[in-house]
Amino acid sequence: MLLAQLCMADIRQLFICYKKLFYTIYAGWPEVKKDYVVRFLEREY
C-alpha cells in the first residue's frame, strides 16, 4: 500500500494494492478519465 501511495500515477498498482485510495481519487476524476481508467484496467488487470 505504501508503494502504491508513493506512485499514484501507476493506476493499476494503486487499484490492486490500495483500493480505498484508488476509489477516493477515482471519484474526483472527470468522466473521460474514468472511462479511460476502466478500459485500461480491463486490458491490464
C-alpha atoms as a PDB file:
ATOM      1  CA  MET A   1       0.000   0.000   0.000  1.00  0.00           C
ATOM      2  CA  LEU A   2       2.843   2.371   0.752  1.00  0.00           C
ATOM      3  CA  LEU A   3       4.397   1.911  -2.688  1.00  0.00           C
ATOM      4  CA  ALA A   4       1.007   2.487  -4.307  1.00  0.00           C
ATOM      5  CA  GLN A   5       0.657   5.734  -2.337  1.00  0.00           C
ATOM      6  CA  LEU A   6       4.104   6.907  -3.398  1.00  0.00           C
ATOM      7  CA  CYS A   7       3.432   6.269  -7.079  1.00  0.00           C
ATOM      8  CA  MET A   8      -0.207   7.171  -7.596  1.00  0.00           C
ATOM      9  CA  ALA A   9       0.377   7.677 -11.309  1.00  0.00           C
ATOM     10  CA  ASP A  10       0.518   3.875 -11.636  1.00  0.00           C
ATOM     11  CA  ILE A  11      -3.233   3.322 -11.699  1.00  0.00           C
ATOM     12  CA  ARG A  12      -3.010  -0.466 -11.926  1.00  0.00           C
ATOM     13  CA  GLN A  13      -0.829  -0.824  -8.817  1.00  0.00           C
ATOM     14  CA  LEU A  14      -2.979   1.656  -6.930  1.00  0.00           C
ATOM     15  CA  PHE A  15      -6.088  -0.342  -7.869  1.00  0.00           C
ATOM     16  CA  ILE A  16      -4.503  -3.668  -6.923  1.00  0.00           C
ATOM     17  CA  CYS A  17      -2.770  -2.625  -3.704  1.00  0.00           C
ATOM     18  CA  TYR A  18      -4.873   0.155  -2.240  1.00  0.00           C
ATOM     19  CA  LYS A  19      -8.448   0.077  -3.496  1.00  0.00           C
ATOM     20  CA  LYS A  20      -9.751   2.501  -0.865  1.00  0.00           C
ATOM     21  CA  LEU A  21      -7.390   5.270  -2.013  1.00  0.00           C
ATOM     22  CA  PHE A  22      -7.996   4.379  -5.657  1.00  0.00           C
ATOM     23  CA  TYR A  23     -11.763   4.815  -5.327  1.00  0.00           C
ATOM     24  CA  THR A  24     -11.350   8.053  -3.363  1.00  0.00           C
ATOM     25  CA  ILE A  25      -9.206   9.536  -6.140  1.00  0.00           C
ATOM     26  CA  TYR A  26     -11.354   7.970  -8.883  1.00  0.00           C
ATOM     27  CA  ALA A  27     -14.462   9.740  -7.573  1.00  0.00           C
ATOM     28  CA  GLY A  28     -12.890  13.132  -8.303  1.00  0.00           C
ATOM     29  CA  TRP A  29     -11.866  12.412 -11.892  1.00  0.00           C
ATOM     30  CA  PRO A  30     -13.826  13.656 -14.913  1.00  0.00           C
ATOM     31  CA  GLU A  31     -15.903  11.045 -16.761  1.00  0.00           C
ATOM     32  CA  VAL A  32     -13.457  10.882 -19.680  1.00  0.00           C
ATOM     33  CA  LYS A  33     -10.597   9.884 -17.389  1.00  0.00           C
ATOM     34  CA  LYS A  34     -12.807   7.383 -15.543  1.00  0.00           C
ATOM     35  CA  ASP A  35     -13.705   5.737 -18.866  1.00  0.00           C
ATOM     36  CA  TYR A  36     -10.029   5.575 -19.844  1.00  0.00           C
ATOM     37  CA  VAL A  37      -9.051   4.040 -16.496  1.00  0.00           C
ATOM     38  CA  VAL A  38     -11.818   1.435 -16.665  1.00  0.00           C
ATOM     39  CA  ARG A  39     -10.748   0.373 -20.159  1.00  0.00           C
ATOM     40  CA  PHE A  40      -7.080   0.332 -19.090  1.00  0.00           C
ATOM     41  CA  LEU A  41      -7.803  -1.861 -16.069  1.00  0.00           C
ATOM     42  CA  GLU A  42      -9.923  -4.229 -18.162  1.00  0.00           C
ATOM     43  CA  ARG A  43      -6.956  -4.755 -20.504  1.00  0.00           C
ATOM     44  CA  GLU A  44      -4.154  -4.818 -17.932  1.00  0.00           C
ATOM     45  CA  TYR A  45      -5.724  -6.498 -14.918  1.00  0.00           C
END
